[in-house]
């Protein structure tokens, strides 16, 4: 297993779908995981300060595990087939199947590592190419995509899923 770090959550340029970019901790390869807006919102929420009066479902999961004297130790991305990633949380040493977005959101909130199976990283990991030097924008790379994603989240409702 190789450890990954969250690089960013952004909108895909072609389809406008949320995509999570992860990078191996001790290398250059990156992994892109497309997900629902709700999954992306869960990960973005994990990167912000938690609201103790209004816990997210991921915070609730951690509270329930803690109330049972359990502990989440790591999130694993264990498989990839036909564009679909498979993940699990390791709770008290036992694997619990989870969607990658949920496993990563819980891992971020718990402050535990996110790891990927070496075979999966070998199959889907890519080394990004540097952007062209013709950037005329004063706005930093990716901020426009983040703003588009925020606007999308503001306009989406649960019935869309």
N, C-alpha and C. Protein backbone atom coordinates (compact mmCIF):
# COMPACT_ATOMS: atom_id res chain seq x y z
N UNK A 1 0.84 -1.19 0.00
CA UNK A 1 0.00 0.00 0.00
C UNK A 1 0.89 1.25 0.00
N UNK A 2 0.46 2.24 -0.78
CA UNK A 2 1.17 3.51 -0.87
C UNK A 2 0.27 4.61 -0.31
N UNK A 3 0.85 5.51 0.47
CA UNK A 3 0.07 6.59 1.06
C UNK A 3 -0.19 7.68 0.03
N UNK A 4 -1.40 8.27 0.13
CA UNK A 4 -1.82 9.34 -0.76
C UNK A 4 -2.18 10.58 0.05
N UNK A 5 -2.04 11.73 -0.58
CA UNK A 5 -2.49 13.01 -0.01
C UNK A 5 -3.51 13.64 -0.94
N UNK A 6 -4.47 14.33 -0.36
CA UNK A 6 -5.46 15.05 -1.15
C UNK A 6 -4.78 16.29 -1.74
N UNK A 7 -4.88 16.45 -3.05
CA UNK A 7 -4.33 17.62 -3.73
C UNK A 7 -5.43 18.66 -3.87
N UNK A 8 -6.57 18.25 -4.44
CA UNK A 8 -7.68 19.18 -4.63
C UNK A 8 -8.93 18.43 -5.04
N UNK A 9 -10.05 19.13 -4.88
CA UNK A 9 -11.32 18.70 -5.42
C UNK A 9 -11.70 19.77 -6.42
N UNK A 10 -12.01 19.37 -7.64
CA UNK A 10 -12.33 20.35 -8.67
C UNK A 10 -13.37 19.78 -9.62
N UNK A 11 -13.79 20.60 -10.57
CA UNK A 11 -14.73 20.16 -11.58
C UNK A 11 -13.98 19.74 -12.83
N UNK A 12 -14.38 18.63 -13.39
CA UNK A 12 -13.83 18.15 -14.65
C UNK A 12 -14.15 19.18 -15.73
N UNK A 13 -13.15 19.56 -16.52
CA UNK A 13 -13.33 20.56 -17.57
C UNK A 13 -14.34 20.14 -18.62
N UNK A 14 -14.40 18.88 -18.95
CA UNK A 14 -15.25 18.41 -20.04
C UNK A 14 -16.70 18.17 -19.61
N UNK A 15 -16.89 17.52 -18.49
CA UNK A 15 -18.24 17.13 -18.08
C UNK A 15 -18.78 17.94 -16.92
N UNK A 16 -17.94 18.70 -16.25
CA UNK A 16 -18.38 19.47 -15.10
C UNK A 16 -18.64 18.62 -13.87
N UNK A 17 -18.15 17.39 -13.85
CA UNK A 17 -18.32 16.49 -12.71
C UNK A 17 -17.23 16.72 -11.68
N UNK A 18 -17.56 16.57 -10.38
CA UNK A 18 -16.53 16.70 -9.35
C UNK A 18 -15.49 15.58 -9.48
N UNK A 19 -14.24 15.95 -9.29
CA UNK A 19 -13.16 14.97 -9.35
C UNK A 19 -12.19 15.27 -8.21
N UNK A 20 -11.79 14.23 -7.51
CA UNK A 20 -10.81 14.32 -6.43
C UNK A 20 -9.46 13.93 -6.99
N UNK A 21 -8.45 14.77 -6.74
CA UNK A 21 -7.09 14.48 -7.17
C UNK A 21 -6.28 14.12 -5.93
N UNK A 22 -5.68 12.94 -5.97
CA UNK A 22 -4.81 12.45 -4.90
C UNK A 22 -3.41 12.26 -5.46
N UNK A 23 -2.40 12.46 -4.63
CA UNK A 23 -1.00 12.29 -5.07
C UNK A 23 -0.29 11.39 -4.09
N UNK A 24 0.54 10.49 -4.62
CA UNK A 24 1.29 9.62 -3.72
C UNK A 24 2.25 10.48 -2.88
N UNK A 25 2.36 10.14 -1.60
CA UNK A 25 3.15 10.94 -0.66
C UNK A 25 4.62 10.99 -1.02
N UNK A 26 5.15 9.88 -1.49
CA UNK A 26 6.59 9.82 -1.75
C UNK A 26 6.88 9.61 -3.23
N UNK A 27 6.07 10.22 -4.08
CA UNK A 27 6.27 10.08 -5.52
C UNK A 27 5.54 11.18 -6.28
N UNK A 28 5.45 11.00 -7.57
CA UNK A 28 4.86 12.01 -8.44
C UNK A 28 3.50 11.62 -9.01
N UNK A 29 3.15 10.33 -8.90
CA UNK A 29 1.91 9.89 -9.54
C UNK A 29 0.68 10.46 -8.83
N UNK A 30 -0.32 10.75 -9.64
CA UNK A 30 -1.59 11.24 -9.14
C UNK A 30 -2.70 10.31 -9.59
N UNK A 31 -3.79 10.32 -8.82
CA UNK A 31 -4.96 9.51 -9.11
C UNK A 31 -6.16 10.44 -9.11
N UNK A 32 -7.00 10.33 -10.13
CA UNK A 32 -8.23 11.11 -10.21
C UNK A 32 -9.42 10.18 -9.96
N UNK A 33 -10.29 10.59 -9.04
CA UNK A 33 -11.49 9.81 -8.74
C UNK A 33 -12.69 10.72 -8.96
N UNK A 34 -13.51 10.37 -9.98
CA UNK A 34 -14.74 11.12 -10.22
C UNK A 34 -15.78 10.64 -9.23
N UNK A 35 -16.63 11.58 -8.76
CA UNK A 35 -17.61 11.24 -7.74
C UNK A 35 -18.82 12.15 -7.84
N UNK A 36 -19.80 11.86 -7.03
CA UNK A 36 -21.00 12.69 -6.98
C UNK A 36 -20.69 14.01 -6.28
N UNK A 37 -21.59 14.96 -6.45
CA UNK A 37 -21.43 16.24 -5.76
C UNK A 37 -21.48 16.05 -4.25
N UNK A 38 -22.33 15.13 -3.80
CA UNK A 38 -22.42 14.86 -2.36
C UNK A 38 -21.12 14.29 -1.82
N UNK A 39 -20.51 13.37 -2.57
CA UNK A 39 -19.23 12.81 -2.15
C UNK A 39 -18.15 13.86 -2.08
N UNK A 40 -18.10 14.72 -3.10
CA UNK A 40 -17.12 15.80 -3.12
C UNK A 40 -17.36 16.79 -1.99
N UNK A 41 -18.63 17.08 -1.71
CA UNK A 41 -18.95 18.00 -0.62
C UNK A 41 -18.50 17.42 0.73
N UNK A 42 -18.63 16.11 0.89
CA UNK A 42 -18.17 15.46 2.12
C UNK A 42 -16.68 15.61 2.32
N UNK A 43 -15.92 15.49 1.24
CA UNK A 43 -14.47 15.63 1.33
C UNK A 43 -14.10 17.10 1.57
N UNK A 44 -14.76 18.01 0.86
CA UNK A 44 -14.49 19.44 1.09
C UNK A 44 -14.83 19.83 2.52
N UNK A 45 -15.92 19.28 3.04
CA UNK A 45 -16.29 19.56 4.43
C UNK A 45 -15.26 19.06 5.42
N UNK A 46 -14.61 17.96 5.09
CA UNK A 46 -13.58 17.40 5.97
C UNK A 46 -12.33 18.27 5.99
N UNK A 47 -12.15 19.08 4.96
CA UNK A 47 -10.99 19.97 4.89
C UNK A 47 -11.23 21.29 5.60
N UNK A 48 -12.44 21.47 6.13
CA UNK A 48 -12.79 22.69 6.85
C UNK A 48 -13.04 22.39 8.32
N UNK A 49 -13.19 23.44 9.08
CA UNK A 49 -13.48 23.31 10.52
C UNK A 49 -14.85 22.66 10.71
N UNK A 50 -14.93 21.67 11.58
CA UNK A 50 -16.19 20.98 11.85
C UNK A 50 -17.10 21.85 12.70
N UNK A 51 -18.39 21.73 12.49
CA UNK A 51 -19.40 22.43 13.28
C UNK A 51 -19.92 21.44 14.32
N UNK A 52 -19.53 21.60 15.59
CA UNK A 52 -19.92 20.61 16.60
C UNK A 52 -21.43 20.54 16.84
N UNK A 53 -22.15 21.62 16.51
CA UNK A 53 -23.60 21.63 16.69
C UNK A 53 -24.36 20.96 15.55
N UNK A 54 -23.70 20.78 14.42
CA UNK A 54 -24.32 20.17 13.25
C UNK A 54 -23.35 19.19 12.60
N UNK A 55 -23.11 18.04 13.24
CA UNK A 55 -22.13 17.09 12.69
C UNK A 55 -22.59 16.51 11.36
N UNK A 56 -21.62 16.28 10.49
CA UNK A 56 -21.91 15.62 9.22
C UNK A 56 -22.11 14.14 9.47
N UNK A 57 -22.57 13.43 8.46
CA UNK A 57 -22.73 11.98 8.60
C UNK A 57 -21.38 11.30 8.84
N UNK A 58 -20.30 11.86 8.27
CA UNK A 58 -18.98 11.28 8.49
C UNK A 58 -18.52 11.50 9.93
N UNK A 59 -18.84 12.66 10.49
CA UNK A 59 -18.51 12.90 11.90
C UNK A 59 -19.35 12.01 12.81
N UNK A 60 -20.60 11.77 12.40
CA UNK A 60 -21.46 10.86 13.15
C UNK A 60 -20.88 9.44 13.14
N UNK A 61 -20.40 9.00 11.99
CA UNK A 61 -19.77 7.67 11.89
C UNK A 61 -18.61 7.56 12.87
N UNK A 62 -17.76 8.58 12.89
CA UNK A 62 -16.62 8.55 13.81
C UNK A 62 -17.07 8.56 15.27
N UNK A 63 -18.10 9.34 15.58
CA UNK A 63 -18.62 9.39 16.95
C UNK A 63 -19.20 8.03 17.36
N UNK A 64 -19.91 7.38 16.45
CA UNK A 64 -20.46 6.06 16.75
C UNK A 64 -19.36 5.04 16.98
N UNK A 65 -18.35 5.06 16.14
CA UNK A 65 -17.23 4.13 16.31
C UNK A 65 -16.54 4.38 17.64
N UNK A 66 -16.31 5.65 17.97
CA UNK A 66 -15.66 5.99 19.24
C UNK A 66 -16.53 5.58 20.43
N UNK A 67 -17.85 5.73 20.31
CA UNK A 67 -18.74 5.37 21.42
C UNK A 67 -18.72 3.87 21.69
N UNK A 68 -18.31 3.10 20.69
CA UNK A 68 -18.19 1.65 20.85
C UNK A 68 -16.74 1.26 21.14
N UNK A 69 -15.95 2.25 21.56
CA UNK A 69 -14.53 2.06 21.87
C UNK A 69 -13.74 1.54 20.67
N UNK A 70 -14.17 1.94 19.49
CA UNK A 70 -13.48 1.53 18.27
C UNK A 70 -12.60 2.65 17.74
N UNK A 71 -11.87 2.32 16.69
CA UNK A 71 -10.96 3.30 16.11
C UNK A 71 -10.78 3.02 14.62
N UNK A 72 -10.84 4.09 13.84
CA UNK A 72 -10.52 4.00 12.42
C UNK A 72 -9.02 4.23 12.30
N UNK A 73 -8.32 3.34 11.61
CA UNK A 73 -6.86 3.48 11.52
C UNK A 73 -6.37 3.90 10.14
N UNK A 74 -7.14 3.60 9.09
CA UNK A 74 -6.68 3.92 7.73
C UNK A 74 -7.84 3.74 6.76
N UNK A 75 -7.77 4.46 5.64
CA UNK A 75 -8.68 4.23 4.52
C UNK A 75 -7.85 3.63 3.40
N UNK A 76 -8.37 2.56 2.81
CA UNK A 76 -7.67 1.89 1.71
C UNK A 76 -8.49 2.00 0.43
N UNK A 77 -7.83 2.35 -0.65
CA UNK A 77 -8.42 2.20 -1.97
C UNK A 77 -7.87 0.87 -2.46
N UNK A 78 -8.77 -0.10 -2.59
CA UNK A 78 -8.33 -1.47 -2.79
C UNK A 78 -8.53 -2.02 -4.19
N UNK A 79 -9.33 -1.33 -5.00
CA UNK A 79 -9.57 -1.85 -6.34
C UNK A 79 -10.07 -0.80 -7.29
N UNK A 80 -10.04 -1.17 -8.57
CA UNK A 80 -10.50 -0.29 -9.64
C UNK A 80 -10.92 -1.18 -10.80
N UNK A 81 -12.15 -1.00 -11.27
CA UNK A 81 -12.62 -1.80 -12.39
C UNK A 81 -13.67 -0.99 -13.16
N UNK A 82 -13.46 -0.88 -14.47
CA UNK A 82 -14.40 -0.17 -15.35
C UNK A 82 -14.70 1.25 -14.86
N UNK A 83 -13.68 1.95 -14.39
CA UNK A 83 -13.84 3.33 -13.95
C UNK A 83 -14.37 3.49 -12.55
N UNK A 84 -14.63 2.40 -11.85
CA UNK A 84 -15.17 2.44 -10.50
C UNK A 84 -14.08 2.03 -9.51
N UNK A 85 -13.88 2.87 -8.49
CA UNK A 85 -12.92 2.56 -7.43
C UNK A 85 -13.64 1.88 -6.28
N UNK A 86 -12.90 1.03 -5.57
CA UNK A 86 -13.42 0.33 -4.40
C UNK A 86 -12.54 0.65 -3.21
N UNK A 87 -13.18 0.86 -2.06
CA UNK A 87 -12.42 1.28 -0.88
C UNK A 87 -12.95 0.57 0.36
N UNK A 88 -12.18 0.72 1.42
CA UNK A 88 -12.58 0.19 2.71
C UNK A 88 -11.94 1.04 3.80
N UNK A 89 -12.62 1.09 4.92
CA UNK A 89 -12.06 1.68 6.13
C UNK A 89 -11.59 0.53 7.01
N UNK A 90 -10.48 0.72 7.66
CA UNK A 90 -10.02 -0.29 8.61
C UNK A 90 -10.44 0.19 10.00
N UNK A 91 -11.38 -0.54 10.59
CA UNK A 91 -11.93 -0.21 11.90
C UNK A 91 -11.56 -1.34 12.85
N UNK A 92 -10.80 -1.00 13.86
CA UNK A 92 -10.33 -2.01 14.82
C UNK A 92 -9.68 -3.20 14.11
N UNK A 93 -8.90 -2.90 13.10
CA UNK A 93 -8.17 -3.92 12.38
C UNK A 93 -8.97 -4.71 11.37
N UNK A 94 -10.26 -4.40 11.24
CA UNK A 94 -11.13 -5.13 10.31
C UNK A 94 -11.56 -4.22 9.17
N UNK A 95 -11.58 -4.73 7.93
CA UNK A 95 -12.02 -3.91 6.79
C UNK A 95 -13.54 -3.77 6.74
N UNK A 96 -13.98 -2.56 6.44
CA UNK A 96 -15.40 -2.26 6.25
C UNK A 96 -15.52 -1.61 4.87
N UNK A 97 -16.27 -2.24 3.97
CA UNK A 97 -16.43 -1.69 2.63
C UNK A 97 -17.05 -0.30 2.68
N UNK A 98 -16.57 0.58 1.81
CA UNK A 98 -17.07 1.95 1.76
C UNK A 98 -16.86 2.51 0.37
N UNK A 99 -17.66 3.51 0.02
CA UNK A 99 -17.37 4.25 -1.22
C UNK A 99 -16.08 5.02 -0.99
N UNK A 100 -15.28 5.21 -2.01
CA UNK A 100 -14.03 5.95 -1.83
C UNK A 100 -14.25 7.34 -1.23
N UNK A 101 -15.28 8.04 -1.68
CA UNK A 101 -15.53 9.39 -1.15
C UNK A 101 -15.80 9.34 0.35
N UNK A 102 -16.58 8.37 0.80
CA UNK A 102 -16.87 8.25 2.24
C UNK A 102 -15.64 7.83 3.02
N UNK A 103 -14.90 6.86 2.50
CA UNK A 103 -13.69 6.40 3.20
C UNK A 103 -12.70 7.55 3.35
N UNK A 104 -12.53 8.34 2.30
CA UNK A 104 -11.58 9.45 2.34
C UNK A 104 -12.08 10.55 3.26
N UNK A 105 -13.38 10.87 3.21
CA UNK A 105 -13.93 11.90 4.09
C UNK A 105 -13.77 11.51 5.56
N UNK A 106 -14.03 10.25 5.88
CA UNK A 106 -13.87 9.78 7.27
C UNK A 106 -12.39 9.81 7.66
N UNK A 107 -11.52 9.35 6.77
CA UNK A 107 -10.08 9.34 7.08
C UNK A 107 -9.57 10.76 7.33
N UNK A 108 -10.01 11.72 6.52
CA UNK A 108 -9.57 13.11 6.73
C UNK A 108 -10.04 13.63 8.08
N UNK A 109 -11.28 13.33 8.44
CA UNK A 109 -11.81 13.80 9.72
C UNK A 109 -11.11 13.10 10.90
N UNK A 110 -10.74 11.85 10.70
CA UNK A 110 -10.08 11.09 11.78
C UNK A 110 -8.58 11.38 11.84
N UNK A 111 -8.04 12.01 10.80
CA UNK A 111 -6.61 12.29 10.77
C UNK A 111 -5.77 11.05 10.56
N UNK A 112 -6.31 10.10 9.80
CA UNK A 112 -5.58 8.85 9.53
C UNK A 112 -5.17 8.80 8.06
N UNK A 113 -4.21 7.95 7.71
CA UNK A 113 -3.73 7.90 6.33
C UNK A 113 -4.76 7.38 5.34
N UNK A 114 -4.57 7.81 4.11
CA UNK A 114 -5.30 7.28 2.95
C UNK A 114 -4.27 6.52 2.14
N UNK A 115 -4.54 5.24 1.87
CA UNK A 115 -3.57 4.42 1.16
C UNK A 115 -4.24 3.76 -0.04
N UNK A 116 -3.42 3.42 -1.02
CA UNK A 116 -3.91 2.78 -2.23
C UNK A 116 -3.07 1.54 -2.50
N UNK A 117 -3.73 0.50 -2.97
CA UNK A 117 -3.01 -0.72 -3.33
C UNK A 117 -2.04 -0.41 -4.46
N UNK A 118 -0.86 -0.97 -4.37
CA UNK A 118 0.19 -0.71 -5.37
C UNK A 118 -0.30 -1.05 -6.78
N UNK A 119 -1.02 -2.14 -6.93
CA UNK A 119 -1.51 -2.53 -8.26
C UNK A 119 -2.50 -1.51 -8.82
N UNK A 120 -3.32 -0.93 -7.96
CA UNK A 120 -4.27 0.09 -8.40
C UNK A 120 -3.52 1.36 -8.82
N UNK A 121 -2.55 1.76 -8.02
CA UNK A 121 -1.75 2.94 -8.35
C UNK A 121 -1.00 2.72 -9.66
N UNK A 122 -0.46 1.53 -9.86
CA UNK A 122 0.24 1.21 -11.11
C UNK A 122 -0.72 1.29 -12.30
N UNK A 123 -1.97 0.89 -12.11
CA UNK A 123 -2.95 0.85 -13.20
C UNK A 123 -3.51 2.24 -13.55
N UNK A 124 -3.73 3.08 -12.55
CA UNK A 124 -4.44 4.35 -12.81
C UNK A 124 -3.62 5.59 -12.49
N UNK A 125 -2.49 5.44 -11.82
CA UNK A 125 -1.67 6.60 -11.46
C UNK A 125 -1.01 7.22 -12.67
N UNK A 126 -0.98 8.53 -12.73
CA UNK A 126 -0.32 9.24 -13.84
C UNK A 126 0.58 10.33 -13.27
N UNK A 127 1.64 10.62 -13.99
CA UNK A 127 2.50 11.74 -13.63
C UNK A 127 2.02 12.92 -14.47
N UNK A 128 1.53 13.97 -13.82
CA UNK A 128 0.97 15.10 -14.57
C UNK A 128 2.05 15.85 -15.35
N UNK A 129 1.64 16.39 -16.48
CA UNK A 129 2.55 17.22 -17.25
C UNK A 129 2.37 18.67 -16.82
N UNK A 130 3.44 19.44 -16.79
CA UNK A 130 3.32 20.84 -16.37
C UNK A 130 2.44 21.63 -17.34
N UNK A 131 1.71 22.64 -16.83
CA UNK A 131 0.86 23.45 -17.71
C UNK A 131 1.70 24.26 -18.68
N UNK A 132 1.09 24.62 -19.79
CA UNK A 132 1.77 25.45 -20.79
C UNK A 132 2.12 26.80 -20.19
N UNK A 133 3.17 27.40 -20.70
CA UNK A 133 3.67 28.67 -20.15
C UNK A 133 2.89 29.88 -20.64
N UNK A 134 1.74 29.69 -21.29
CA UNK A 134 1.00 30.83 -21.81
C UNK A 134 -0.12 31.30 -20.89
N UNK A 135 0.05 31.13 -19.60
CA UNK A 135 -0.96 31.57 -18.64
C UNK A 135 -0.99 33.09 -18.59
N UNK A 136 -2.10 33.67 -19.07
CA UNK A 136 -2.26 35.12 -19.01
C UNK A 136 -3.14 35.53 -17.85
N UNK A 137 -3.76 34.55 -17.20
CA UNK A 137 -4.67 34.87 -16.09
C UNK A 137 -3.90 35.29 -14.86
N UNK A 138 -4.49 36.25 -14.14
CA UNK A 138 -3.92 36.64 -12.85
C UNK A 138 -4.44 35.72 -11.75
N UNK A 139 -5.52 35.00 -12.04
CA UNK A 139 -6.12 34.11 -11.07
C UNK A 139 -5.32 32.82 -10.99
N UNK A 140 -4.97 32.35 -9.79
CA UNK A 140 -4.22 31.11 -9.65
C UNK A 140 -4.96 29.92 -10.26
N UNK A 141 -4.19 28.96 -10.77
CA UNK A 141 -4.73 27.76 -11.40
C UNK A 141 -5.70 27.05 -10.45
N UNK A 142 -6.86 26.68 -10.98
CA UNK A 142 -7.81 25.89 -10.22
C UNK A 142 -8.84 26.69 -9.44
N UNK A 143 -8.60 27.96 -9.16
CA UNK A 143 -9.57 28.73 -8.38
C UNK A 143 -10.88 28.91 -9.12
N UNK A 144 -10.82 29.07 -10.44
CA UNK A 144 -12.04 29.21 -11.23
C UNK A 144 -12.85 27.92 -11.14
N UNK A 145 -12.18 26.77 -11.17
CA UNK A 145 -12.89 25.50 -11.06
C UNK A 145 -13.50 25.33 -9.68
N UNK A 146 -12.81 25.76 -8.65
CA UNK A 146 -13.35 25.67 -7.29
C UNK A 146 -14.60 26.54 -7.18
N UNK A 147 -14.55 27.74 -7.75
CA UNK A 147 -15.70 28.63 -7.72
C UNK A 147 -16.87 28.02 -8.48
N UNK A 148 -16.60 27.40 -9.62
CA UNK A 148 -17.66 26.73 -10.38
C UNK A 148 -18.28 25.61 -9.55
N UNK A 149 -17.45 24.87 -8.83
CA UNK A 149 -17.96 23.78 -8.00
C UNK A 149 -18.81 24.33 -6.87
N UNK A 150 -18.39 25.41 -6.25
CA UNK A 150 -19.18 26.03 -5.18
C UNK A 150 -20.54 26.49 -5.71
N UNK A 151 -20.55 27.08 -6.89
CA UNK A 151 -21.82 27.50 -7.49
C UNK A 151 -22.70 26.29 -7.76
N UNK A 152 -22.09 25.20 -8.23
CA UNK A 152 -22.84 23.98 -8.47
C UNK A 152 -23.45 23.46 -7.16
N UNK A 153 -22.67 23.44 -6.08
CA UNK A 153 -23.18 22.97 -4.80
C UNK A 153 -24.32 23.84 -4.29
N UNK A 154 -24.24 25.14 -4.54
CA UNK A 154 -25.30 26.05 -4.11
C UNK A 154 -26.59 25.80 -4.87
N UNK A 155 -26.50 25.29 -6.10
CA UNK A 155 -27.69 25.13 -6.93
C UNK A 155 -28.27 23.71 -6.89
N UNK A 156 -27.54 22.75 -6.35
CA UNK A 156 -27.98 21.37 -6.38
C UNK A 156 -28.93 21.09 -5.21
N UNK A 157 -29.87 20.17 -5.42
CA UNK A 157 -30.73 19.74 -4.33
C UNK A 157 -30.74 18.22 -4.28
N UNK A 158 -31.17 17.64 -3.17
CA UNK A 158 -31.11 16.17 -3.01
C UNK A 158 -31.87 15.40 -4.07
N UNK A 159 -32.91 15.98 -4.66
CA UNK A 159 -33.69 15.27 -5.68
C UNK A 159 -32.88 15.05 -6.96
N UNK A 160 -31.78 15.78 -7.13
CA UNK A 160 -30.93 15.61 -8.31
C UNK A 160 -30.21 14.27 -8.28
N UNK A 161 -30.18 13.60 -7.14
CA UNK A 161 -29.47 12.33 -7.02
C UNK A 161 -30.46 11.22 -6.98
